[in-house]
PDB file of N, CA and C in Angstrom:
ATOM      1  N   UNK A   1       0.618 -15.630  10.221  1.00  0.00           N
ATOM      2  CA  UNK A   1       1.310 -15.585   8.963  1.00  0.00           C
ATOM      3  C   UNK A   1       1.799 -16.977   8.588  1.00  0.00           C
ATOM      4  N   UNK A   2       1.647 -17.340   7.354  1.00  0.00           N
ATOM      5  CA  UNK A   2       1.998 -18.659   6.860  1.00  0.00           C
ATOM      6  C   UNK A   2       3.247 -18.563   6.008  1.00  0.00           C
ATOM      7  N   UNK A   3       4.101 -19.578   6.043  1.00  0.00           N
ATOM      8  CA  UNK A   3       5.263 -19.625   5.134  1.00  0.00           C
ATOM      9  C   UNK A   3       5.138 -20.863   4.217  1.00  0.00           C
ATOM     10  N   UNK A   4       5.698 -20.700   3.037  1.00  0.00           N
ATOM     11  CA  UNK A   4       5.623 -21.755   2.061  1.00  0.00           C
ATOM     12  C   UNK A   4       6.865 -21.667   1.135  1.00  0.00           C
ATOM     13  N   UNK A   5       7.341 -22.779   0.659  1.00  0.00           N
ATOM     14  CA  UNK A   5       8.515 -22.727  -0.250  1.00  0.00           C
ATOM     15  C   UNK A   5       8.144 -22.167  -1.600  1.00  0.00           C
ATOM     16  N   UNK A   6       9.088 -21.654  -2.315  1.00  0.00           N
ATOM     17  CA  UNK A   6       8.855 -21.094  -3.652  1.00  0.00           C
ATOM     18  C   UNK A   6       8.300 -22.159  -4.585  1.00  0.00           C
ATOM     19  N   UNK A   7       8.848 -23.364  -4.487  1.00  0.00           N
ATOM     20  CA  UNK A   7       8.374 -24.468  -5.357  1.00  0.00           C
ATOM     21  C   UNK A   7       6.905 -24.790  -5.072  1.00  0.00           C
ATOM     22  N   UNK A   8       6.552 -24.857  -3.783  1.00  0.00           N
ATOM     23  CA  UNK A   8       5.165 -25.153  -3.397  1.00  0.00           C
ATOM     24  C   UNK A   8       4.253 -24.000  -3.811  1.00  0.00           C
ATOM     25  N   UNK A   9       4.722 -22.781  -3.669  1.00  0.00           N
ATOM     26  CA  UNK A   9       3.924 -21.604  -4.091  1.00  0.00           C
ATOM     27  C   UNK A   9       3.677 -21.660  -5.608  1.00  0.00           C
ATOM     28  N   UNK A  10       4.652 -22.075  -6.334  1.00  0.00           N
ATOM     29  CA  UNK A  10       4.493 -22.204  -7.772  1.00  0.00           C
ATOM     30  C   UNK A  10       3.436 -23.275  -8.118  1.00  0.00           C
ATOM     31  N   UNK A  11       3.466 -24.372  -7.428  1.00  0.00           N
ATOM     32  CA  UNK A  11       2.495 -25.438  -7.684  1.00  0.00           C
ATOM     33  C   UNK A  11       1.097 -25.085  -7.230  1.00  0.00           C
ATOM     34  N   UNK A  12       0.968 -24.270  -6.158  1.00  0.00           N
ATOM     35  CA  UNK A  12      -0.320 -23.978  -5.571  1.00  0.00           C
ATOM     36  C   UNK A  12      -0.695 -22.497  -5.659  1.00  0.00           C
ATOM     37  N   UNK A  13      -0.365 -21.854  -6.763  1.00  0.00           N
ATOM     38  CA  UNK A  13      -0.513 -20.405  -6.852  1.00  0.00           C
ATOM     39  C   UNK A  13      -1.967 -19.945  -6.679  1.00  0.00           C
ATOM     40  N   UNK A  14      -2.903 -20.518  -7.398  1.00  0.00           N
ATOM     41  CA  UNK A  14      -4.304 -20.086  -7.287  1.00  0.00           C
ATOM     42  C   UNK A  14      -4.920 -20.369  -5.945  1.00  0.00           C
ATOM     43  N   UNK A  15      -4.692 -21.534  -5.331  1.00  0.00           N
ATOM     44  CA  UNK A  15      -5.172 -21.711  -3.950  1.00  0.00           C
ATOM     45  C   UNK A  15      -4.551 -20.710  -2.987  1.00  0.00           C
ATOM     46  N   UNK A  16      -3.286 -20.334  -3.195  1.00  0.00           N
ATOM     47  CA  UNK A  16      -2.656 -19.316  -2.329  1.00  0.00           C
ATOM     48  C   UNK A  16      -3.358 -17.968  -2.499  1.00  0.00           C
ATOM     49  N   UNK A  17      -3.725 -17.614  -3.749  1.00  0.00           N
ATOM     50  CA  UNK A  17      -4.418 -16.356  -3.964  1.00  0.00           C
ATOM     51  C   UNK A  17      -5.770 -16.344  -3.218  1.00  0.00           C
ATOM     52  N   UNK A  18      -6.446 -17.456  -3.189  1.00  0.00           N
ATOM     53  CA  UNK A  18      -7.718 -17.566  -2.447  1.00  0.00           C
ATOM     54  C   UNK A  18      -7.489 -17.321  -0.967  1.00  0.00           C
ATOM     55  N   UNK A  19      -6.400 -17.895  -0.440  1.00  0.00           N
ATOM     56  CA  UNK A  19      -6.085 -17.697   0.976  1.00  0.00           C
ATOM     57  C   UNK A  19      -5.776 -16.219   1.276  1.00  0.00           C
ATOM     58  N   UNK A  20      -5.021 -15.586   0.372  1.00  0.00           N
ATOM     59  CA  UNK A  20      -4.674 -14.201   0.557  1.00  0.00           C
ATOM     60  C   UNK A  20      -5.943 -13.356   0.488  1.00  0.00           C
ATOM     61  N   UNK A  21      -6.835 -13.664  -0.437  1.00  0.00           N
ATOM     62  CA  UNK A  21      -8.083 -12.963  -0.540  1.00  0.00           C
ATOM     63  C   UNK A  21      -8.897 -13.047   0.757  1.00  0.00           C
ATOM     64  N   UNK A  22      -8.769 -14.171   1.427  1.00  0.00           N
ATOM     65  CA  UNK A  22      -9.481 -14.388   2.687  1.00  0.00           C
ATOM     66  C   UNK A  22      -8.776 -13.703   3.872  1.00  0.00           C
ATOM     67  N   UNK A  23      -7.632 -13.032   3.625  1.00  0.00           N
ATOM     68  CA  UNK A  23      -6.940 -12.305   4.677  1.00  0.00           C
ATOM     69  C   UNK A  23      -5.625 -12.892   5.130  1.00  0.00           C
ATOM     70  N   UNK A  24      -5.211 -14.010   4.617  1.00  0.00           N
ATOM     71  CA  UNK A  24      -3.963 -14.639   5.021  1.00  0.00           C
ATOM     72  C   UNK A  24      -2.763 -13.887   4.435  1.00  0.00           C
ATOM     73  N   UNK A  25      -1.713 -13.751   5.227  1.00  0.00           N
ATOM     74  CA  UNK A  25      -0.436 -13.180   4.729  1.00  0.00           C
ATOM     75  C   UNK A  25       0.522 -14.362   4.588  1.00  0.00           C
ATOM     76  N   UNK A  26       1.126 -14.489   3.430  1.00  0.00           N
ATOM     77  CA  UNK A  26       1.974 -15.653   3.121  1.00  0.00           C
ATOM     78  C   UNK A  26       3.383 -15.194   2.767  1.00  0.00           C
ATOM     79  N   UNK A  27       4.386 -15.771   3.450  1.00  0.00           N
ATOM     80  CA  UNK A  27       5.785 -15.498   3.161  1.00  0.00           C
ATOM     81  C   UNK A  27       6.337 -16.641   2.295  1.00  0.00           C
ATOM     82  N   UNK A  28       6.979 -16.287   1.210  1.00  0.00           N
ATOM     83  CA  UNK A  28       7.570 -17.242   0.276  1.00  0.00           C
ATOM     84  C   UNK A  28       9.028 -17.433   0.660  1.00  0.00           C
ATOM     85  N   UNK A  29       9.473 -18.676   0.810  1.00  0.00           N
ATOM     86  CA  UNK A  29      10.839 -19.001   1.176  1.00  0.00           C
ATOM     87  C   UNK A  29      11.582 -19.577  -0.041  1.00  0.00           C
ATOM     88  N   UNK A  30      12.846 -19.175  -0.195  1.00  0.00           N
ATOM     89  CA  UNK A  30      13.716 -19.762  -1.182  1.00  0.00           C
ATOM     90  C   UNK A  30      14.949 -20.254  -0.456  1.00  0.00           C
ATOM     91  N   UNK A  31      15.136 -21.563  -0.500  1.00  0.00           N
ATOM     92  CA  UNK A  31      16.254 -22.188   0.241  1.00  0.00           C
ATOM     93  C   UNK A  31      16.205 -21.822   1.734  1.00  0.00           C
ATOM     94  N   UNK A  32      14.971 -21.758   2.240  1.00  0.00           N
ATOM     95  CA  UNK A  32      14.769 -21.537   3.647  1.00  0.00           C
ATOM     96  C   UNK A  32      14.801 -20.084   4.093  1.00  0.00           C
ATOM     97  N   UNK A  33      15.044 -19.176   3.164  1.00  0.00           N
ATOM     98  CA  UNK A  33      15.096 -17.738   3.512  1.00  0.00           C
ATOM     99  C   UNK A  33      13.927 -16.998   2.899  1.00  0.00           C
ATOM    100  N   UNK A  34      13.322 -16.092   3.652  1.00  0.00           N
ATOM    101  CA  UNK A  34      12.184 -15.297   3.089  1.00  0.00           C
ATOM    102  C   UNK A  34      12.597 -14.408   1.967  1.00  0.00           C
ATOM    103  N   UNK A  35      11.889 -14.491   0.867  1.00  0.00           N
ATOM    104  CA  UNK A  35      12.198 -13.649  -0.317  1.00  0.00           C
ATOM    105  C   UNK A  35      11.032 -12.770  -0.776  1.00  0.00           C
ATOM    106  N   UNK A  36       9.809 -13.114  -0.326  1.00  0.00           N
ATOM    107  CA  UNK A  36       8.648 -12.331  -0.745  1.00  0.00           C
ATOM    108  C   UNK A  36       7.521 -12.565   0.218  1.00  0.00           C
ATOM    109  N   UNK A  37       6.594 -11.597   0.240  1.00  0.00           N
ATOM    110  CA  UNK A  37       5.413 -11.695   1.035  1.00  0.00           C
ATOM    111  C   UNK A  37       4.211 -11.392   0.149  1.00  0.00           C
ATOM    112  N   UNK A  38       3.188 -12.212   0.258  1.00  0.00           N
ATOM    113  CA  UNK A  38       1.941 -11.941  -0.454  1.00  0.00           C
ATOM    114  C   UNK A  38       0.926 -11.597   0.606  1.00  0.00           C
ATOM    115  N   UNK A  39       0.297 -10.417   0.474  1.00  0.00           N
ATOM    116  CA  UNK A  39      -0.659  -9.962   1.504  1.00  0.00           C
ATOM    117  C   UNK A  39      -1.836  -9.324   0.816  1.00  0.00           C
ATOM    118  N   UNK A  40      -2.976  -9.300   1.484  1.00  0.00           N
ATOM    119  CA  UNK A  40      -4.158  -8.643   0.934  1.00  0.00           C
ATOM    120  C   UNK A  40      -3.936  -7.160   0.678  1.00  0.00           C
ATOM    121  N   UNK A  41      -4.540  -6.629  -0.312  1.00  0.00           N
ATOM    122  CA  UNK A  41      -4.392  -5.210  -0.665  1.00  0.00           C
ATOM    123  C   UNK A  41      -4.991  -4.329   0.468  1.00  0.00           C
ATOM    124  N   UNK A  42      -5.987  -4.771   1.146  1.00  0.00           N
ATOM    125  CA  UNK A  42      -6.626  -3.953   2.168  1.00  0.00           C
ATOM    126  C   UNK A  42      -5.612  -3.460   3.204  1.00  0.00           C
ATOM    127  N   UNK A  43      -4.598  -4.245   3.506  1.00  0.00           N
ATOM    128  CA  UNK A  43      -3.583  -3.807   4.475  1.00  0.00           C
ATOM    129  C   UNK A  43      -2.917  -2.522   3.983  1.00  0.00           C
ATOM    130  N   UNK A  44      -2.638  -2.436   2.673  1.00  0.00           N
ATOM    131  CA  UNK A  44      -2.008  -1.242   2.145  1.00  0.00           C
ATOM    132  C   UNK A  44      -2.984  -0.059   2.162  1.00  0.00           C
ATOM    133  N   UNK A  45      -4.269  -0.309   1.920  1.00  0.00           N
ATOM    134  CA  UNK A  45      -5.264   0.739   1.952  1.00  0.00           C
ATOM    135  C   UNK A  45      -5.302   1.391   3.346  1.00  0.00           C
ATOM    136  N   UNK A  46      -5.220   0.607   4.379  1.00  0.00           N
ATOM    137  CA  UNK A  46      -5.263   1.127   5.726  1.00  0.00           C
ATOM    138  C   UNK A  46      -4.068   2.040   5.988  1.00  0.00           C
ATOM    139  N   UNK A  47      -2.873   1.625   5.569  1.00  0.00           N
ATOM    140  CA  UNK A  47      -1.662   2.433   5.723  1.00  0.00           C
ATOM    141  C   UNK A  47      -1.775   3.751   4.962  1.00  0.00           C
ATOM    142  N   UNK A  48      -2.297   3.677   3.744  1.00  0.00           N
ATOM    143  CA  UNK A  48      -2.463   4.894   2.931  1.00  0.00           C
ATOM    144  C   UNK A  48      -3.442   5.838   3.574  1.00  0.00           C
ATOM    145  N   UNK A  49      -4.522   5.315   4.156  1.00  0.00           N
ATOM    146  CA  UNK A  49      -5.523   6.161   4.791  1.00  0.00           C
ATOM    147  C   UNK A  49      -4.945   6.865   6.018  1.00  0.00           C
ATOM    148  N   UNK A  50      -4.133   6.152   6.783  1.00  0.00           N
ATOM    149  CA  UNK A  50      -3.476   6.770   7.951  1.00  0.00           C
ATOM    150  C   UNK A  50      -2.544   7.892   7.493  1.00  0.00           C
ATOM    151  N   UNK A  51      -1.790   7.629   6.431  1.00  0.00           N
ATOM    152  CA  UNK A  51      -0.862   8.654   5.928  1.00  0.00           C
ATOM    153  C   UNK A  51      -1.640   9.839   5.384  1.00  0.00           C
ATOM    154  N   UNK A  52      -2.728   9.608   4.684  1.00  0.00           N
ATOM    155  CA  UNK A  52      -3.544  10.691   4.136  1.00  0.00           C
ATOM    156  C   UNK A  52      -4.113  11.565   5.246  1.00  0.00           C
ATOM    157  N   UNK A  53      -4.664  10.922   6.290  1.00  0.00           N
ATOM    158  CA  UNK A  53      -5.233  11.697   7.406  1.00  0.00           C
ATOM    159  C   UNK A  53      -4.144  12.489   8.125  1.00  0.00           C
ATOM    160  N   UNK A  54      -2.963  11.913   8.256  1.00  0.00           N
ATOM    161  CA  UNK A  54      -1.860  12.599   8.901  1.00  0.00           C
ATOM    162  C   UNK A  54      -1.443  13.840   8.115  1.00  0.00           C
ATOM    163  N   UNK A  55      -1.352  13.699   6.801  1.00  0.00           N
ATOM    164  CA  UNK A  55      -1.009  14.798   5.949  1.00  0.00           C
ATOM    165  C   UNK A  55      -2.064  15.896   6.020  1.00  0.00           C
ATOM    166  N   UNK A  56      -3.339  15.536   5.954  1.00  0.00           N
ATOM    167  CA  UNK A  56      -4.402  16.556   6.028  1.00  0.00           C
ATOM    168  C   UNK A  56      -4.349  17.294   7.357  1.00  0.00           C
ATOM    169  N   UNK A  57      -4.113  16.592   8.433  1.00  0.00           N
ATOM    170  CA  UNK A  57      -4.029  17.259   9.741  1.00  0.00           C
ATOM    171  C   UNK A  57      -2.864  18.209   9.800  1.00  0.00           C
ATOM    172  N   UNK A  58      -1.716  17.808   9.240  1.00  0.00           N
ATOM    173  CA  UNK A  58      -0.543  18.708   9.195  1.00  0.00           C
ATOM    174  C   UNK A  58      -0.834  19.942   8.368  1.00  0.00           C
ATOM    175  N   UNK A  59      -1.508  19.758   7.215  1.00  0.00           N
ATOM    176  CA  UNK A  59      -1.842  20.897   6.357  1.00  0.00           C
ATOM    177  C   UNK A  59      -2.807  21.858   7.037  1.00  0.00           C
ATOM    178  N   UNK A  60      -3.764  21.313   7.825  1.00  0.00           N
ATOM    179  CA  UNK A  60      -4.675  22.175   8.549  1.00  0.00           C
ATOM    180  C   UNK A  60      -3.974  23.033   9.590  1.00  0.00           C
ATOM    181  N   UNK A  61      -2.924  22.484  10.200  1.00  0.00           N
ATOM    182  CA  UNK A  61      -2.191  23.245  11.252  1.00  0.00           C
ATOM    183  C   UNK A  61      -1.214  24.218  10.647  1.00  0.00           C
ATOM    184  N   UNK A  62      -0.788  24.020   9.395  1.00  0.00           N
ATOM    185  CA  UNK A  62       0.217  24.863   8.765  1.00  0.00           C
ATOM    186  C   UNK A  62      -0.333  26.245   8.463  1.00  0.00           C
ATOM    187  N   UNK A  63       0.478  27.250   8.716  1.00  0.00           N
ATOM    188  CA  UNK A  63       0.054  28.613   8.427  1.00  0.00           C
ATOM    189  C   UNK A  63       0.254  28.891   6.951  1.00  0.00           C
ATOM    190  N   UNK A  64      -0.677  29.635   6.333  1.00  0.00           N
ATOM    191  CA  UNK A  64      -0.536  30.005   4.934  1.00  0.00           C
ATOM    192  C   UNK A  64       0.672  30.920   4.742  1.00  0.00           C
ATOM    193  N   UNK A  65       1.348  30.767   3.615  1.00  0.00           N
ATOM    194  CA  UNK A  65       2.525  31.568   3.345  1.00  0.00           C
ATOM    195  C   UNK A  65       2.200  32.932   2.790  1.00  0.00           C
ATOM    196  N   UNK A  66       1.064  33.073   2.207  1.00  0.00           N
ATOM    197  CA  UNK A  66       0.649  34.372   1.639  1.00  0.00           C
ATOM    198  C   UNK A  66      -0.572  34.178   0.783  1.00  0.00           C
ATOM    199  N   UNK A  67      -1.169  35.284   0.429  1.00  0.00           N
ATOM    200  CA  UNK A  67      -2.368  35.178  -0.405  1.00  0.00           C
ATOM    201  C   UNK A  67      -2.059  35.698  -1.806  1.00  0.00           C
ATOM    202  N   UNK A  68      -2.665  35.064  -2.751  1.00  0.00           N
ATOM    203  CA  UNK A  68      -2.521  35.458  -4.152  1.00  0.00           C
ATOM    204  C   UNK A  68      -3.909  35.540  -4.777  1.00  0.00           C
ATOM    205  N   UNK A  69      -4.073  36.437  -5.638  1.00  0.00           N
ATOM    206  CA  UNK A  69      -5.349  36.570  -6.351  1.00  0.00           C
ATOM    207  C   UNK A  69      -5.174  35.994  -7.745  1.00  0.00           C
ATOM    208  N   UNK A  70      -5.004  34.669  -7.778  1.00  0.00           N
ATOM    209  CA  UNK A  70      -4.791  33.996  -9.059  1.00  0.00           C
ATOM    210  C   UNK A  70      -6.084  33.783  -9.782  1.00  0.00           C
ATOM    211  N   UNK A  71      -5.944  33.785 -11.098  1.00  0.00           N
ATOM    212  CA  UNK A  71      -7.076  33.468 -11.948  1.00  0.00           C
ATOM    213  C   UNK A  71      -6.887  32.039 -12.454  1.00  0.00           C
ATOM    214  N   UNK A  72      -7.983  31.430 -12.778  1.00  0.00           N
ATOM    215  CA  UNK A  72      -7.939  30.039 -13.226  1.00  0.00           C
ATOM    216  C   UNK A  72      -6.978  29.830 -14.361  1.00  0.00           C
ATOM    217  N   UNK A  73      -6.963  30.745 -15.316  1.00  0.00           N
ATOM    218  CA  UNK A  73      -6.110  30.625 -16.498  1.00  0.00           C
ATOM    219  C   UNK A  73      -4.621  30.610 -16.084  1.00  0.00           C
ATOM    220  N   UNK A  74      -4.277  31.366 -15.049  1.00  0.00           N
ATOM    221  CA  UNK A  74      -2.887  31.424 -14.601  1.00  0.00           C
ATOM    222  C   UNK A  74      -2.457  30.118 -13.944  1.00  0.00           C
ATOM    223  N   UNK A  75      -3.385  29.456 -13.279  1.00  0.00           N
ATOM    224  CA  UNK A  75      -3.060  28.194 -12.630  1.00  0.00           C
ATOM    225  C   UNK A  75      -2.760  27.056 -13.627  1.00  0.00           C
ATOM    226  N   UNK A  76      -3.374  27.147 -14.802  1.00  0.00           N
ATOM    227  CA  UNK A  76      -3.234  26.056 -15.773  1.00  0.00           C
ATOM    228  C   UNK A  76      -2.538  26.504 -17.018  1.00  0.00           C
ATOM    229  N   UNK A  77      -1.593  27.452 -16.894  1.00  0.00           N
ATOM    230  CA  UNK A  77      -0.829  27.910 -18.055  1.00  0.00           C
ATOM    231  C   UNK A  77       0.025  26.800 -18.607  1.00  0.00           C
ATOM    232  N   UNK A  78       0.042  26.744 -19.895  1.00  0.00           N
ATOM    233  CA  UNK A  78       0.880  25.707 -20.567  1.00  0.00           C
ATOM    234  C   UNK A  78       2.076  26.372 -21.159  1.00  0.00           C
TER     235      UNK A  78
END
């Protein structure tokens, strides 16, 4: 992970985006303290996929509460 000052990030914004696109995670500092992180979107996709798979597994294990003989029209009543 790379750190950079806010002023430097402002001056080098587009080169920073290229680095992030290549997989670099960059922390922005303001007065020496971290205030933001720029990271590739793929990292978030991986977390969402793990959460999705976890939810699906939990739903597969869950017992149904009851059966209903719903009609399509009833499901989409306005």
